[in-house]
Amino acid sequence: EIYGFLVHPLAAAGQNKIIFTQIFGAFFVQ
């Protein structure tokens, strides 16, 4: 939920996709 709040400006700018390039990338982001 916190990360969703942080990516809101990105979505508002028209970018609706975000990726991670490593298997453990999403976990490290959390």
Full PDB file with SEQRES, HELIX, SHEET, SSBOND, CRYST1, ORIGX, SCALE, CONECT and MASTER records, all heavy atoms in Angstrom:
SEQRES   1 A   30  GLU ILE TYR GLY PHE LEU VAL HIS PRO LEU ALA ALA ALA          
SEQRES   2 A   30  GLY GLN ASN LYS ILE ILE PHE THR GLN ILE PHE GLY ALA          
SEQRES   3 A   30  PHE PHE VAL GLN                                              
HELIX    1 AA1 ILE A    2  LEU A    6  1                                   5    
HELIX    2 AA2 HIS A    8  ALA A   12  1                                   5    
HELIX    3 AA3 GLY A   25  VAL A   29  1                                   5    
CRYST1    1.000    1.000    1.000  90.00  90.00  90.00 P 1           1          
ORIGX1      1.000000  0.000000  0.000000        0.00000                         
ORIGX2      0.000000  1.000000  0.000000        0.00000                         
ORIGX3      0.000000  0.000000  1.000000        0.00000                         
SCALE1      1.000000  0.000000  0.000000        0.00000                         
SCALE2      0.000000  1.000000  0.000000        0.00000                         
SCALE3      0.000000  0.000000  1.000000        0.00000                         
ATOM      1  N   GLU A   1       0.827  -1.209   0.000  1.00  0.00           N  
ATOM      2  CA  GLU A   1       0.000   0.000   0.000  1.00  0.00           C  
ATOM      3  C   GLU A   1       0.862   1.260   0.000  1.00  0.00           C  
ATOM      4  O   GLU A   1       0.543   2.242  -0.688  1.00  0.00           O  
ATOM      5  CB  GLU A   1      -0.931   0.000   1.214  1.00  0.00           C  
ATOM      6  CG  GLU A   1      -2.057  -1.017   1.161  1.00  0.00           C  
ATOM      7  CD  GLU A   1      -1.624  -2.431   1.493  1.00  0.00           C  
ATOM      8  OE1 GLU A   1      -0.438  -2.612   1.877  1.00  0.00           O  
ATOM      9  OE2 GLU A   1      -2.453  -3.346   1.374  1.00  0.00           O  
ATOM     10  N   ILE A   2       1.951   1.229   0.772  1.00  0.00           N  
ATOM     11  CA  ILE A   2       2.848   2.391   0.812  1.00  0.00           C  
ATOM     12  C   ILE A   2       3.500   2.611  -0.548  1.00  0.00           C  
ATOM     13  O   ILE A   2       3.582   3.744  -1.050  1.00  0.00           O  
ATOM     14  CB  ILE A   2       3.918   2.205   1.907  1.00  0.00           C  
ATOM     15  CG1 ILE A   2       3.257   2.123   3.279  1.00  0.00           C  
ATOM     16  CG2 ILE A   2       4.922   3.360   1.873  1.00  0.00           C  
ATOM     17  CD1 ILE A   2       4.213   1.747   4.398  1.00  0.00           C  
ATOM     18  N   TYR A   3       3.947   1.507  -1.166  1.00  0.00           N  
ATOM     19  CA  TYR A   3       4.578   1.642  -2.479  1.00  0.00           C  
ATOM     20  C   TYR A   3       3.555   2.092  -3.522  1.00  0.00           C  
ATOM     21  O   TYR A   3       3.879   2.856  -4.436  1.00  0.00           O  
ATOM     22  CB  TYR A   3       5.209   0.320  -2.894  1.00  0.00           C  
ATOM     23  CG  TYR A   3       6.132   0.442  -4.082  1.00  0.00           C  
ATOM     24  CD1 TYR A   3       7.222   1.315  -4.049  1.00  0.00           C  
ATOM     25  CD2 TYR A   3       5.924  -0.300  -5.239  1.00  0.00           C  
ATOM     26  CE1 TYR A   3       8.070   1.434  -5.132  1.00  0.00           C  
ATOM     27  CE2 TYR A   3       6.767  -0.183  -6.326  1.00  0.00           C  
ATOM     28  CZ  TYR A   3       7.830   0.682  -6.267  1.00  0.00           C  
ATOM     29  OH  TYR A   3       8.673   0.807  -7.346  1.00  0.00           O  
ATOM     30  N   GLY A   4       2.310   1.629  -3.379  1.00  0.00           N  
ATOM     31  CA  GLY A   4       1.267   2.101  -4.273  1.00  0.00           C  
ATOM     32  C   GLY A   4       1.065   3.605  -4.165  1.00  0.00           C  
ATOM     33  O   GLY A   4       0.811   4.281  -5.169  1.00  0.00           O  
ATOM     34  N   PHE A   5       1.184   4.123  -2.939  1.00  0.00           N  
ATOM     35  CA  PHE A   5       1.107   5.573  -2.752  1.00  0.00           C  
ATOM     36  C   PHE A   5       2.271   6.277  -3.423  1.00  0.00           C  
ATOM     37  O   PHE A   5       2.115   7.339  -4.033  1.00  0.00           O  
ATOM     38  CB  PHE A   5       1.081   5.881  -1.249  1.00  0.00           C  
ATOM     39  CG  PHE A   5       1.107   7.345  -0.920  1.00  0.00           C  
ATOM     40  CD1 PHE A   5      -0.029   8.119  -1.040  1.00  0.00           C  
ATOM     41  CD2 PHE A   5       2.281   7.945  -0.472  1.00  0.00           C  
ATOM     42  CE1 PHE A   5      -0.004   9.478  -0.721  1.00  0.00           C  
ATOM     43  CE2 PHE A   5       2.321   9.287  -0.156  1.00  0.00           C  
ATOM     44  CZ  PHE A   5       1.169  10.059  -0.285  1.00  0.00           C  
ATOM     45  N   LEU A   6       3.456   5.683  -3.349  1.00  0.00           N  
ATOM     46  CA  LEU A   6       4.647   6.306  -3.929  1.00  0.00           C  
ATOM     47  C   LEU A   6       4.634   6.271  -5.457  1.00  0.00           C  
ATOM     48  O   LEU A   6       5.220   7.149  -6.102  1.00  0.00           O  
ATOM     49  CB  LEU A   6       5.908   5.609  -3.404  1.00  0.00           C  
ATOM     50  CG  LEU A   6       6.182   5.757  -1.903  1.00  0.00           C  
ATOM     51  CD1 LEU A   6       7.406   4.950  -1.497  1.00  0.00           C  
ATOM     52  CD2 LEU A   6       6.364   7.214  -1.523  1.00  0.00           C  
ATOM     53  N   VAL A   7       3.997   5.253  -6.054  1.00  0.00           N  
ATOM     54  CA  VAL A   7       3.981   5.165  -7.520  1.00  0.00           C  
ATOM     55  C   VAL A   7       2.813   5.929  -8.126  1.00  0.00           C  
ATOM     56  O   VAL A   7       2.675   5.980  -9.345  1.00  0.00           O  
ATOM     57  CB  VAL A   7       3.935   3.697  -8.001  1.00  0.00           C  
ATOM     58  CG1 VAL A   7       5.162   2.936  -7.546  1.00  0.00           C  
ATOM     59  CG2 VAL A   7       2.662   3.010  -7.551  1.00  0.00           C  
ATOM     60  N   HIS A   8       1.977   6.526  -7.278  1.00  0.00           N  
ATOM     61  CA  HIS A   8       0.837   7.281  -7.819  1.00  0.00           C  
ATOM     62  C   HIS A   8       1.269   8.402  -8.771  1.00  0.00           C  
ATOM     63  O   HIS A   8       0.640   8.592  -9.823  1.00  0.00           O  
ATOM     64  CB  HIS A   8      -0.014   7.838  -6.683  1.00  0.00           C  
ATOM     65  CG  HIS A   8      -1.185   8.644  -7.153  1.00  0.00           C  
ATOM     66  ND1 HIS A   8      -2.299   8.069  -7.723  1.00  0.00           N  
ATOM     67  CD2 HIS A   8      -1.402   9.990  -7.158  1.00  0.00           C  
ATOM     68  CE1 HIS A   8      -3.163   9.019  -8.062  1.00  0.00           C  
ATOM     69  NE2 HIS A   8      -2.637  10.186  -7.718  1.00  0.00           N  
ATOM     70  N   PRO A   9       2.317   9.184  -8.443  1.00  0.00           N  
ATOM     71  CA  PRO A   9       2.747  10.206  -9.415  1.00  0.00           C  
ATOM     72  C   PRO A   9       3.164   9.618 -10.753  1.00  0.00           C  
ATOM     73  O   PRO A   9       2.966  10.257 -11.806  1.00  0.00           O  
ATOM     74  CB  PRO A   9       3.943  10.880  -8.710  1.00  0.00           C  
ATOM     75  CG  PRO A   9       3.715  10.631  -7.264  1.00  0.00           C  
ATOM     76  CD  PRO A   9       3.084   9.282  -7.182  1.00  0.00           C  
ATOM     77  N   LEU A  10       3.737   8.421 -10.744  1.00  0.00           N  
ATOM     78  CA  LEU A  10       4.116   7.776 -11.996  1.00  0.00           C  
ATOM     79  C   LEU A  10       2.879   7.426 -12.819  1.00  0.00           C  
ATOM     80  O   LEU A  10       2.851   7.630 -14.039  1.00  0.00           O  
ATOM     81  CB  LEU A  10       4.937   6.518 -11.696  1.00  0.00           C  
ATOM     82  CG  LEU A  10       5.540   5.786 -12.890  1.00  0.00           C  
ATOM     83  CD1 LEU A  10       6.576   6.652 -13.593  1.00  0.00           C  
ATOM     84  CD2 LEU A  10       6.161   4.458 -12.445  1.00  0.00           C  
ATOM     85  N   ALA A  11       1.856   6.898 -12.152  1.00  0.00           N  
ATOM     86  CA  ALA A  11       0.614   6.582 -12.859  1.00  0.00           C  
ATOM     87  C   ALA A  11      -0.057   7.848 -13.371  1.00  0.00           C  
ATOM     88  O   ALA A  11      -0.613   7.872 -14.483  1.00  0.00           O  
ATOM     89  CB  ALA A  11      -0.328   5.816 -11.930  1.00  0.00           C  
ATOM     90  N   ALA A  12      -0.006   8.917 -12.563  1.00  0.00           N  
ATOM     91  CA  ALA A  12      -0.601  10.181 -12.992  1.00  0.00           C  
ATOM     92  C   ALA A  12       0.116  10.771 -14.196  1.00  0.00           C  
ATOM     93  O   ALA A  12      -0.475  11.524 -14.974  1.00  0.00           O  
ATOM     94  CB  ALA A  12      -0.591  11.174 -11.831  1.00  0.00           C  
ATOM     95  N   ALA A  13       1.398  10.415 -14.362  1.00  0.00           N  
ATOM     96  CA  ALA A  13       2.167  10.899 -15.509  1.00  0.00           C  
ATOM     97  C   ALA A  13       1.924  10.051 -16.753  1.00  0.00           C  
ATOM     98  O   ALA A  13       2.527  10.301 -17.806  1.00  0.00           O  
ATOM     99  CB  ALA A  13       3.650  10.930 -15.180  1.00  0.00           C  
ATOM    100  N   GLY A  14       1.056   9.032 -16.651  1.00  0.00           N  
ATOM    101  CA  GLY A  14       0.703   8.216 -17.807  1.00  0.00           C  
ATOM    102  C   GLY A  14       1.470   6.924 -17.932  1.00  0.00           C  
ATOM    103  O   GLY A  14       1.307   6.205 -18.923  1.00  0.00           O  
ATOM    104  N   GLN A  15       2.291   6.581 -16.939  1.00  0.00           N  
ATOM    105  CA  GLN A  15       3.063   5.346 -16.977  1.00  0.00           C  
ATOM    106  C   GLN A  15       2.377   4.322 -16.081  1.00  0.00           C  
ATOM    107  O   GLN A  15       2.371   4.444 -14.857  1.00  0.00           O  
ATOM    108  CB  GLN A  15       4.495   5.588 -16.485  1.00  0.00           C  
ATOM    109  CG  GLN A  15       5.413   4.405 -16.620  1.00  0.00           C  
ATOM    110  CD  GLN A  15       5.771   4.094 -18.065  1.00  0.00           C  
ATOM    111  OE1 GLN A  15       5.843   5.000 -18.887  1.00  0.00           O  
ATOM    112  NE2 GLN A  15       5.987   2.834 -18.373  1.00  0.00           N  
ATOM    113  N   ASN A  16       1.763   3.302 -16.684  1.00  0.00           N  
ATOM    114  CA  ASN A  16       0.978   2.342 -15.908  1.00  0.00           C  
ATOM    115  C   ASN A  16       1.663   0.988 -15.763  1.00  0.00           C  
ATOM    116  O   ASN A  16       1.019  -0.007 -15.442  1.00  0.00           O  
ATOM    117  CB  ASN A  16      -0.400   2.145 -16.545  1.00  0.00           C  
ATOM    118  CG  ASN A  16      -0.301   1.665 -17.993  1.00  0.00           C  
ATOM    119  OD1 ASN A  16       0.805   1.416 -18.494  1.00  0.00           O  
ATOM    120  ND2 ASN A  16      -1.438   1.542 -18.655  1.00  0.00           N  
ATOM    121  N   LYS A  17       2.960   0.944 -16.009  1.00  0.00           N  
ATOM    122  CA  LYS A  17       3.684  -0.318 -15.886  1.00  0.00           C  
ATOM    123  C   LYS A  17       5.028  -0.053 -15.222  1.00  0.00           C  
ATOM    124  O   LYS A  17       5.720   0.914 -15.542  1.00  0.00           O  
ATOM    125  CB  LYS A  17       3.906  -0.967 -17.251  1.00  0.00           C  
ATOM    126  CG  LYS A  17       4.611  -2.324 -17.195  1.00  0.00           C  
ATOM    127  CD  LYS A  17       4.885  -2.877 -18.589  1.00  0.00           C  
ATOM    128  CE  LYS A  17       3.588  -3.229 -19.283  1.00  0.00           C  
ATOM    129  NZ  LYS A  17       3.850  -3.894 -20.602  1.00  0.00           N  
ATOM    130  N   ILE A  18       5.382  -0.942 -14.288  1.00  0.00           N  
ATOM    131  CA  ILE A  18       6.682  -0.868 -13.622  1.00  0.00           C  
ATOM    132  C   ILE A  18       7.209  -2.293 -13.516  1.00  0.00           C  
ATOM    133  O   ILE A  18       6.438  -3.235 -13.303  1.00  0.00           O  
ATOM    134  CB  ILE A  18       6.555  -0.191 -12.238  1.00  0.00           C  
ATOM    135  CG1 ILE A  18       7.923   0.200 -11.691  1.00  0.00           C  
ATOM    136  CG2 ILE A  18       5.820  -1.068 -11.240  1.00  0.00           C  
ATOM    137  CD1 ILE A  18       7.848   1.147 -10.514  1.00  0.00           C  
ATOM    138  N   ILE A  19       8.503  -2.484 -13.691  1.00  0.00           N  
ATOM    139  CA  ILE A  19       9.064  -3.831 -13.788  1.00  0.00           C  
ATOM    140  C   ILE A  19      10.137  -4.037 -12.736  1.00  0.00           C  
ATOM    141  O   ILE A  19      10.620  -3.079 -12.104  1.00  0.00           O  
ATOM    142  CB  ILE A  19       9.673  -4.079 -15.185  1.00  0.00           C  
ATOM    143  CG1 ILE A  19      10.874  -3.161 -15.407  1.00  0.00           C  
ATOM    144  CG2 ILE A  19       8.625  -3.888 -16.283  1.00  0.00           C  
ATOM    145  CD1 ILE A  19      11.677  -3.486 -16.660  1.00  0.00           C  
ATOM    146  N   PHE A  20      10.494  -5.287 -12.497  1.00  0.00           N  
ATOM    147  CA  PHE A  20      11.702  -5.605 -11.738  1.00  0.00           C  
ATOM    148  C   PHE A  20      12.477  -6.646 -12.537  1.00  0.00           C  
ATOM    149  O   PHE A  20      11.908  -7.553 -13.137  1.00  0.00           O  
ATOM    150  CB  PHE A  20      11.396  -6.074 -10.310  1.00  0.00           C  
ATOM    151  CG  PHE A  20      10.515  -7.276 -10.192  1.00  0.00           C  
ATOM    152  CD1 PHE A  20      11.051  -8.554 -10.106  1.00  0.00           C  
ATOM    153  CD2 PHE A  20       9.136  -7.135 -10.146  1.00  0.00           C  
ATOM    154  CE1 PHE A  20      10.230  -9.660  -9.974  1.00  0.00           C  
ATOM    155  CE2 PHE A  20       8.306  -8.232 -10.014  1.00  0.00           C  
ATOM    156  CZ  PHE A  20       8.861  -9.504  -9.929  1.00  0.00           C  
ATOM    157  N   THR A  21      13.792  -6.492 -12.569  1.00  0.00           N  
ATOM    158  CA  THR A  21      14.647  -7.266 -13.469  1.00  0.00           C  
ATOM    159  C   THR A  21      15.333  -8.437 -12.784  1.00  0.00           C  
ATOM    160  O   THR A  21      16.048  -9.183 -13.436  1.00  0.00           O  
ATOM    161  CB  THR A  21      15.714  -6.349 -14.085  1.00  0.00           C  
ATOM    162  OG1 THR A  21      16.470  -5.734 -13.041  1.00  0.00           O  
ATOM    163  CG2 THR A  21      15.068  -5.263 -14.937  1.00  0.00           C  
ATOM    164  N   GLN A  22      15.139  -8.582 -11.476  1.00  0.00           N  
ATOM    165  CA  GLN A  22      15.726  -9.701 -10.749  1.00  0.00           C  
ATOM    166  C   GLN A  22      14.637 -10.425  -9.978  1.00  0.00           C  
ATOM    167  O   GLN A  22      13.633  -9.816  -9.572  1.00  0.00           O  
ATOM    168  CB  GLN A  22      16.823  -9.213  -9.791  1.00  0.00           C  
ATOM    169  CG  GLN A  22      18.014  -8.580 -10.508  1.00  0.00           C  
ATOM    170  CD  GLN A  22      19.027  -8.027  -9.532  1.00  0.00           C  
ATOM    171  OE1 GLN A  22      18.680  -7.620  -8.433  1.00  0.00           O  
ATOM    172  NE2 GLN A  22      20.291  -8.007  -9.929  1.00  0.00           N  
ATOM    173  N   ILE A  23      14.811 -11.712  -9.750  1.00  0.00           N  
ATOM    174  CA  ILE A  23      13.799 -12.520  -9.097  1.00  0.00           C  
ATOM    175  C   ILE A  23      13.456 -11.973  -7.706  1.00  0.00           C  
ATOM    176  O   ILE A  23      12.301 -11.921  -7.305  1.00  0.00           O  
ATOM    177  CB  ILE A  23      14.259 -13.986  -8.998  1.00  0.00           C  
ATOM    178  CG1 ILE A  23      14.470 -14.582 -10.393  1.00  0.00           C  
ATOM    179  CG2 ILE A  23      13.254 -14.817  -8.200  1.00  0.00           C  
ATOM    180  CD1 ILE A  23      13.215 -14.621 -11.238  1.00  0.00           C  
ATOM    181  N   PHE A  24      14.486 -11.535  -6.974  1.00  0.00           N  
ATOM    182  CA  PHE A  24      14.275 -11.043  -5.612  1.00  0.00           C  
ATOM    183  C   PHE A  24      14.092  -9.528  -5.579  1.00  0.00           C  
ATOM    184  O   PHE A  24      14.070  -8.929  -4.507  1.00  0.00           O  
ATOM    185  CB  PHE A  24      15.447 -11.428  -4.716  1.00  0.00           C  
ATOM    186  CG  PHE A  24      16.796 -11.186  -5.353  1.00  0.00           C  
ATOM    187  CD1 PHE A  24      17.358  -9.929  -5.377  1.00  0.00           C  
ATOM    188  CD2 PHE A  24      17.485 -12.239  -5.951  1.00  0.00           C  
ATOM    189  CE1 PHE A  24      18.586  -9.704  -5.964  1.00  0.00           C  
ATOM    190  CE2 PHE A  24      18.718 -12.025  -6.541  1.00  0.00           C  
ATOM    191  CZ  PHE A  24      19.277 -10.751  -6.560  1.00  0.00           C  
ATOM    192  N   GLY A  25      13.953  -8.903  -6.743  1.00  0.00           N  
ATOM    193  CA  GLY A  25      13.846  -7.450  -6.787  1.00  0.00           C  
ATOM    194  C   GLY A  25      12.639  -6.908  -6.052  1.00  0.00           C  
ATOM    195  O   GLY A  25      12.733  -5.937  -5.296  1.00  0.00           O  
ATOM    196  N   ALA A  26      11.472  -7.538  -6.259  1.00  0.00           N  
ATOM    197  CA  ALA A  26      10.246  -7.051  -5.616  1.00  0.00           C  
ATOM    198  C   ALA A  26      10.342  -7.163  -4.095  1.00  0.00           C  
ATOM    199  O   ALA A  26       9.857  -6.289  -3.356  1.00  0.00           O  
ATOM    200  CB  ALA A  26       9.048  -7.833  -6.139  1.00  0.00           C  
ATOM    201  N   PHE A  27      10.966  -8.241  -3.608  1.00  0.00           N  
ATOM    202  CA  PHE A  27      11.111  -8.410  -2.158  1.00  0.00           C  
ATOM    203  C   PHE A  27      12.009  -7.334  -1.568  1.00  0.00           C  
ATOM    204  O   PHE A  27      11.717  -6.763  -0.507  1.00  0.00           O  
ATOM    205  CB  PHE A  27      11.679  -9.793  -1.857  1.00  0.00           C  
ATOM    206  CG  PHE A  27      11.962 -10.029  -0.397  1.00  0.00           C  
ATOM    207  CD1 PHE A  27      10.931 -10.174   0.512  1.00  0.00           C  
ATOM    208  CD2 PHE A  27      13.282 -10.098   0.052  1.00  0.00           C  
ATOM    209  CE1 PHE A  27      11.198 -10.386   1.869  1.00  0.00           C  
ATOM    210  CE2 PHE A  27      13.550 -10.309   1.393  1.00  0.00           C  
ATOM    211  CZ  PHE A  27      12.505 -10.457   2.302  1.00  0.00           C  
ATOM    212  N   PHE A  28      13.122  -7.024  -2.245  1.00  0.00           N  
ATOM    213  CA  PHE A  28      14.015  -5.980  -1.766  1.00  0.00           C  
ATOM    214  C   PHE A  28      13.333  -4.611  -1.778  1.00  0.00           C  
ATOM    215  O   PHE A  28      13.585  -3.770  -0.906  1.00  0.00           O  
ATOM    216  CB  PHE A  28      15.288  -5.940  -2.605  1.00  0.00           C  
ATOM    217  CG  PHE A  28      16.295  -6.987  -2.217  1.00  0.00           C  
ATOM    218  CD1 PHE A  28      17.325  -7.330  -3.071  1.00  0.00           C  
ATOM    219  CD2 PHE A  28      16.204  -7.636  -0.999  1.00  0.00           C  
ATOM    220  CE1 PHE A  28      18.259  -8.300  -2.714  1.00  0.00           C  
ATOM    221  CE2 PHE A  28      17.130  -8.601  -0.617  1.00  0.00           C  
ATOM    222  CZ  PHE A  28      18.159  -8.933  -1.490  1.00  0.00           C  
ATOM    223  N   VAL A  29      12.465  -4.396  -2.758  1.00  0.00           N  
ATOM    224  CA  VAL A  29      11.716  -3.141  -2.797  1.00  0.00           C  
ATOM    225  C   VAL A  29      10.821  -3.026  -1.565  1.00  0.00           C  
ATOM    226  O   VAL A  29      10.740  -1.963  -0.937  1.00  0.00           O  
ATOM    227  CB  VAL A  29      10.890  -3.046  -4.092  1.00  0.00           C  
ATOM    228  CG1 VAL A  29       9.862  -1.922  -3.999  1.00  0.00           C  
ATOM    229  CG2 VAL A  29      11.802  -2.807  -5.277  1.00  0.00           C  
ATOM    230  N   GLN A  30      10.155  -4.103  -1.204  1.00  0.00           N  
ATOM    231  CA  GLN A  30       9.321  -4.092  -0.009  1.00  0.00           C  
ATOM    232  C   GLN A  30      10.149  -3.807   1.243  1.00  0.00           C  
ATOM    233  O   GLN A  30       9.711  -3.066   2.135  1.00  0.00           O  
ATOM    234  CB  GLN A  30       8.589  -5.430   0.139  1.00  0.00           C  
ATOM    235  CG  GLN A  30       7.404  -5.595  -0.801  1.00  0.00           C  
ATOM    236  CD  GLN A  30       6.606  -6.843  -0.467  1.00  0.00           C  
ATOM    237  OE1 GLN A  30       6.818  -7.906  -1.041  1.00  0.00           O  
ATOM    238  NE2 GLN A  30       5.685  -6.715   0.460  1.00  0.00           N  
TER     239      GLN A  30                                                      
MASTER        0    0    0    3    0    0    0    6  238    1    0    3          
END                                                                             
